[in-house]
Amino acid sequence: MQSPKIDIDKLGRPHWSDEAKNSAKAVLEFVQLLMNDHNFEEVLRRYTGSPYRQHNRNIADGIQGVIKTVRDFVKTAPEFSYDVKQIYVDGEFVTLHSHATLKEKHRGDDSQGLNIVDTWKLEDGRLVEHWDAIQGIDLSMRMYSLFFGGKVRNANGVF
């Protein structure tokens, strides 16, 4: 199975400043390692020790919380991938609009998987805070969210 590669050149905007490009690159490298490559050891190596406040109530604070959640998810869906469709940079915030799928055969099929909008706050080039909104597209993903989306694992609130 080939993990999809996020192409910053395709997603970038010609009007971005160098700072905006660097912020986008920092987020996309993180997402590539975590969501597509499932390289949890490298994510731990690069991001442990940095503050990381999580606003998805189902994920514990810190990089370890994100890794645990994605690692557990990938155990049941090893072909899980994250196709970034749009990226927006506004100062210290980077937002991705993405299509996540559980099976390789569903990549590119917008009737399957999850519609996800993620926003990260960066400070000094480091990812320090994360918000998301997730919409199940097909029935199985809507049911998954209904049954498994309720356990609160941090006290940060969604906003």
C-alpha atoms as a PDB file:
ATOM      1  CA  MET A   1       0.000   0.000   0.000  1.00  0.00           C
ATOM      2  CA  GLN A   2       1.347   3.397  -1.032  1.00  0.00           C
ATOM      3  CA  SER A   3       0.696   6.234   1.412  1.00  0.00           C
ATOM      4  CA  PRO A   4      -0.546   9.392  -0.302  1.00  0.00           C
ATOM      5  CA  LYS A   5       1.825  12.362  -0.396  1.00  0.00           C
ATOM      6  CA  ILE A   6       0.662  15.901   0.284  1.00  0.00           C
ATOM      7  CA  ASP A   7       1.942  18.288  -2.390  1.00  0.00           C
ATOM      8  CA  ILE A   8       2.522  21.748  -0.886  1.00  0.00           C
ATOM      9  CA  ASP A   9       3.428  23.147  -4.310  1.00  0.00           C
ATOM     10  CA  LYS A  10      -0.033  22.257  -5.602  1.00  0.00           C
ATOM     11  CA  LEU A  11      -1.801  23.587  -2.498  1.00  0.00           C
ATOM     12  CA  GLY A  12       0.218  26.770  -1.921  1.00  0.00           C
ATOM     13  CA  ARG A  13      -0.829  30.243  -2.999  1.00  0.00           C
ATOM     14  CA  PRO A  14       1.431  32.589  -4.984  1.00  0.00           C
ATOM     15  CA  HIS A  15       0.625  35.543  -2.699  1.00  0.00           C
ATOM     16  CA  TRP A  16       1.811  33.810   0.490  1.00  0.00           C
ATOM     17  CA  SER A  17       4.657  35.388   2.381  1.00  0.00           C
ATOM     18  CA  ASP A  18       7.658  33.284   3.391  1.00  0.00           C
ATOM     19  CA  GLU A  19       6.167  33.099   6.893  1.00  0.00           C
ATOM     20  CA  ALA A  20       2.864  31.764   5.516  1.00  0.00           C
ATOM     21  CA  LYS A  21       4.715  29.189   3.396  1.00  0.00           C
ATOM     22  CA  ASN A  22       6.718  28.041   6.417  1.00  0.00           C
ATOM     23  CA  SER A  23       3.573  27.754   8.552  1.00  0.00           C
ATOM     24  CA  ALA A  24       1.797  25.730   5.862  1.00  0.00           C
ATOM     25  CA  LYS A  25       4.847  23.510   5.437  1.00  0.00           C
ATOM     26  CA  ALA A  26       5.062  22.868   9.213  1.00  0.00           C
ATOM     27  CA  VAL A  27       1.426  21.741   9.369  1.00  0.00           C
ATOM     28  CA  LEU A  28       1.608  19.647   6.198  1.00  0.00           C
ATOM     29  CA  GLU A  29       4.750  17.832   7.369  1.00  0.00           C
ATOM     30  CA  PHE A  30       3.007  16.988  10.647  1.00  0.00           C
ATOM     31  CA  VAL A  31      -0.133  15.773   8.870  1.00  0.00           C
ATOM     32  CA  GLN A  32       1.866  13.726   6.355  1.00  0.00           C
ATOM     33  CA  LEU A  33       3.805  11.940   9.101  1.00  0.00           C
ATOM     34  CA  LEU A  34       0.782  11.335  11.320  1.00  0.00           C
ATOM     35  CA  MET A  35      -2.195  10.788   9.040  1.00  0.00           C
ATOM     36  CA  ASN A  36      -0.673   9.305   5.875  1.00  0.00           C
ATOM     37  CA  ASP A  37       2.659   7.748   6.818  1.00  0.00           C
ATOM     38  CA  HIS A  38       1.436   6.660  10.288  1.00  0.00           C
ATOM     39  CA  ASN A  39       5.009   7.265  11.446  1.00  0.00           C
ATOM     40  CA  PHE A  40       4.175   7.715  15.123  1.00  0.00           C
ATOM     41  CA  GLU A  41       7.760   7.320  16.309  1.00  0.00           C
ATOM     42  CA  GLU A  42       8.922  10.217  14.115  1.00  0.00           C
ATOM     43  CA  VAL A  43       5.999  12.367  15.279  1.00  0.00           C
ATOM     44  CA  LEU A  44       6.990  11.630  18.884  1.00  0.00           C
ATOM     45  CA  ARG A  45      10.625  12.408  18.129  1.00  0.00           C
ATOM     46  CA  ARG A  46       9.877  15.736  16.447  1.00  0.00           C
ATOM     47  CA  TYR A  47       7.023  17.057  18.578  1.00  0.00           C
ATOM     48  CA  THR A  48       7.399  15.700  22.124  1.00  0.00           C
ATOM     49  CA  GLY A  49       8.132  18.480  24.555  1.00  0.00           C
ATOM     50  CA  SER A  50       6.180  21.113  22.634  1.00  0.00           C
ATOM     51  CA  PRO A  51       2.925  22.313  24.144  1.00  0.00           C
ATOM     52  CA  TYR A  52      -0.057  21.008  22.186  1.00  0.00           C
ATOM     53  CA  ARG A  53      -3.533  22.014  23.362  1.00  0.00           C
ATOM     54  CA  GLN A  54      -6.299  19.899  21.862  1.00  0.00           C
ATOM     55  CA  HIS A  55      -9.861  21.153  21.295  1.00  0.00           C
ATOM     56  CA  ASN A  56     -11.263  17.927  19.844  1.00  0.00           C
ATOM     57  CA  ARG A  57     -12.941  16.722  23.043  1.00  0.00           C
ATOM     58  CA  ASN A  58     -12.322  13.076  22.095  1.00  0.00           C
ATOM     59  CA  ILE A  59      -8.527  13.444  22.054  1.00  0.00           C
ATOM     60  CA  ALA A  60      -6.327  13.942  25.114  1.00  0.00           C
ATOM     61  CA  ASP A  61      -4.044  16.977  25.282  1.00  0.00           C
ATOM     62  CA  GLY A  62      -0.480  16.759  24.014  1.00  0.00           C
ATOM     63  CA  ILE A  63       1.166  15.045  21.080  1.00  0.00           C
ATOM     64  CA  GLN A  64       0.830  11.724  22.903  1.00  0.00           C
ATOM     65  CA  GLY A  65      -2.969  12.145  22.913  1.00  0.00           C
ATOM     66  CA  VAL A  66      -3.073  12.678  19.151  1.00  0.00           C
ATOM     67  CA  ILE A  67      -0.765   9.742  18.507  1.00  0.00           C
ATOM     68  CA  LYS A  68      -2.792   7.417  20.738  1.00  0.00           C
ATOM     69  CA  THR A  69      -6.019   8.351  18.968  1.00  0.00           C
ATOM     70  CA  VAL A  70      -4.661   7.971  15.440  1.00  0.00           C
ATOM     71  CA  ARG A  71      -2.658   4.833  16.294  1.00  0.00           C
ATOM     72  CA  ASP A  72      -5.793   3.178  17.755  1.00  0.00           C
ATOM     73  CA  PHE A  73      -7.815   4.227  14.706  1.00  0.00           C
ATOM     74  CA  VAL A  74      -5.200   2.884  12.276  1.00  0.00           C
ATOM     75  CA  LYS A  75      -5.222  -0.496  14.028  1.00  0.00           C
ATOM     76  CA  THR A  76      -8.784  -0.977  12.773  1.00  0.00           C
ATOM     77  CA  ALA A  77      -8.302   0.955   9.509  1.00  0.00           C
ATOM     78  CA  PRO A  78      -4.656   0.497   8.378  1.00  0.00           C
ATOM     79  CA  GLU A  79      -5.368   2.047   4.957  1.00  0.00           C
ATOM     80  CA  PHE A  80      -6.603   5.296   6.557  1.00  0.00           C
ATOM     81  CA  SER A  81      -5.404   8.363   4.663  1.00  0.00           C
ATOM     82  CA  TYR A  82      -5.862  12.095   4.615  1.00  0.00           C
ATOM     83  CA  ASP A  83      -6.158  13.955   1.298  1.00  0.00           C
ATOM     84  CA  VAL A  84      -5.718  17.708   1.782  1.00  0.00           C
ATOM     85  CA  LYS A  85      -7.958  19.562  -0.662  1.00  0.00           C
ATOM     86  CA  GLN A  86      -7.435  23.170   0.472  1.00  0.00           C
ATOM     87  CA  ILE A  87      -5.096  25.031   2.811  1.00  0.00           C
ATOM     88  CA  TYR A  88      -5.603  28.499   4.252  1.00  0.00           C
ATOM     89  CA  VAL A  89      -3.030  30.516   6.187  1.00  0.00           C
ATOM     90  CA  ASP A  90      -3.973  33.543   8.273  1.00  0.00           C
ATOM     91  CA  GLY A  91      -1.211  34.817  10.520  1.00  0.00           C
ATOM     92  CA  GLU A  92      -0.529  32.224  13.205  1.00  0.00           C
ATOM     93  CA  PHE A  93      -3.383  29.965  12.042  1.00  0.00           C
ATOM     94  CA  VAL A  94      -3.334  27.263   9.348  1.00  0.00           C
ATOM     95  CA  THR A  95      -6.551  25.554   8.271  1.00  0.00           C
ATOM     96  CA  LEU A  96      -6.825  22.413   6.154  1.00  0.00           C
ATOM     97  CA  HIS A  97      -9.976  21.162   4.434  1.00  0.00           C
ATOM     98  CA  SER A  98      -9.482  17.463   3.824  1.00  0.00           C
ATOM     99  CA  HIS A  99     -11.039  14.194   2.750  1.00  0.00           C
ATOM    100  CA  ALA A 100     -10.125  11.246   4.974  1.00  0.00           C
ATOM    101  CA  THR A 101     -10.831   7.694   3.874  1.00  0.00           C
ATOM    102  CA  LEU A 102     -10.459   4.366   5.623  1.00  0.00           C
ATOM    103  CA  LYS A 103      -9.767   2.207   2.574  1.00  0.00           C
ATOM    104  CA  GLU A 104      -7.331   2.737  -0.263  1.00  0.00           C
ATOM    105  CA  LYS A 105     -10.072   1.942  -2.797  1.00  0.00           C
ATOM    106  CA  HIS A 106     -12.139   4.883  -1.454  1.00  0.00           C
ATOM    107  CA  ARG A 107      -9.427   7.510  -2.024  1.00  0.00           C
ATOM    108  CA  GLY A 108     -10.814  10.141  -4.356  1.00  0.00           C
ATOM    109  CA  ASP A 109     -14.424   8.943  -3.878  1.00  0.00           C
ATOM    110  CA  ASP A 110     -16.175  11.885  -2.221  1.00  0.00           C
ATOM    111  CA  SER A 111     -19.158   9.706  -1.290  1.00  0.00           C
ATOM    112  CA  GLN A 112     -16.989   7.820   1.246  1.00  0.00           C
ATOM    113  CA  GLY A 113     -15.082   8.725   4.401  1.00  0.00           C
ATOM    114  CA  LEU A 114     -14.906  11.948   6.353  1.00  0.00           C
ATOM    115  CA  ASN A 115     -15.013  15.649   5.535  1.00  0.00           C
ATOM    116  CA  ILE A 116     -12.566  17.293   7.981  1.00  0.00           C
ATOM    117  CA  VAL A 117     -11.647  20.901   8.679  1.00  0.00           C
ATOM    118  CA  ASP A 118      -8.601  21.242  10.951  1.00  0.00           C
ATOM    119  CA  THR A 119      -7.099  24.446  12.287  1.00  0.00           C
ATOM    120  CA  TRP A 120      -3.731  24.722  14.023  1.00  0.00           C
ATOM    121  CA  LYS A 121      -2.249  27.647  15.880  1.00  0.00           C
ATOM    122  CA  LEU A 122       1.517  28.036  15.498  1.00  0.00           C
ATOM    123  CA  GLU A 123       3.937  29.899  17.725  1.00  0.00           C
ATOM    124  CA  ASP A 124       7.543  30.303  16.590  1.00  0.00           C
ATOM    125  CA  GLY A 125       6.923  27.683  13.886  1.00  0.00           C
ATOM    126  CA  ARG A 126       5.629  25.091  16.385  1.00  0.00           C
ATOM    127  CA  LEU A 127       2.124  23.609  16.393  1.00  0.00           C
ATOM    128  CA  VAL A 128       0.689  24.536  19.801  1.00  0.00           C
ATOM    129  CA  GLU A 129      -3.103  24.242  19.474  1.00  0.00           C
ATOM    130  CA  HIS A 130      -5.628  22.322  17.341  1.00  0.00           C
ATOM    131  CA  TRP A 131      -9.351  22.517  16.551  1.00  0.00           C
ATOM    132  CA  ASP A 132     -11.369  20.398  14.130  1.00  0.00           C
ATOM    133  CA  ALA A 133     -14.810  19.765  12.738  1.00  0.00           C
ATOM    134  CA  ILE A 134     -15.515  16.298  11.349  1.00  0.00           C
ATOM    135  CA  GLN A 135     -18.468  15.216   9.219  1.00  0.00           C
ATOM    136  CA  GLY A 136     -19.117  11.603   8.312  1.00  0.00           C
ATOM    137  CA  ILE A 137     -19.930  11.385   4.619  1.00  0.00           C
ATOM    138  CA  ASP A 138     -21.177   7.817   4.239  1.00  0.00           C
ATOM    139  CA  LEU A 139     -23.492   5.941   6.617  1.00  0.00           C
ATOM    140  CA  SER A 140     -20.730   3.908   8.275  1.00  0.00           C
ATOM    141  CA  MET A 141     -18.760   7.070   9.154  1.00  0.00           C
ATOM    142  CA  ARG A 142     -21.879   8.825  10.464  1.00  0.00           C
ATOM    143  CA  MET A 143     -22.608   5.776  12.642  1.00  0.00           C
ATOM    144  CA  TYR A 144     -18.967   5.609  13.818  1.00  0.00           C
ATOM    145  CA  SER A 145     -19.167   9.231  14.969  1.00  0.00           C
ATOM    146  CA  LEU A 146     -22.442   8.571  16.740  1.00  0.00           C
ATOM    147  CA  PHE A 147     -21.171   5.546  18.672  1.00  0.00           C
ATOM    148  CA  PHE A 148     -17.539   6.470  19.313  1.00  0.00           C
ATOM    149  CA  GLY A 149     -17.535  10.259  19.339  1.00  0.00           C
ATOM    150  CA  GLY A 150     -18.731  10.911  22.863  1.00  0.00           C
ATOM    151  CA  LYS A 151     -15.957  10.308  25.383  1.00  0.00           C
ATOM    152  CA  VAL A 152     -14.480  13.603  26.631  1.00  0.00           C
ATOM    153  CA  ARG A 153     -10.695  13.346  27.089  1.00  0.00           C
ATOM    154  CA  ASN A 154      -9.740  16.998  27.766  1.00  0.00           C
ATOM    155  CA  ALA A 155     -11.304  20.026  29.460  1.00  0.00           C
ATOM    156  CA  ASN A 156     -10.371  22.637  26.838  1.00  0.00           C
ATOM    157  CA  GLY A 157     -13.765  23.058  25.188  1.00  0.00           C
ATOM    158  CA  VAL A 158     -14.319  23.040  21.465  1.00  0.00           C
ATOM    159  CA  PHE A 159     -13.801  26.772  20.973  1.00  0.00           C
END
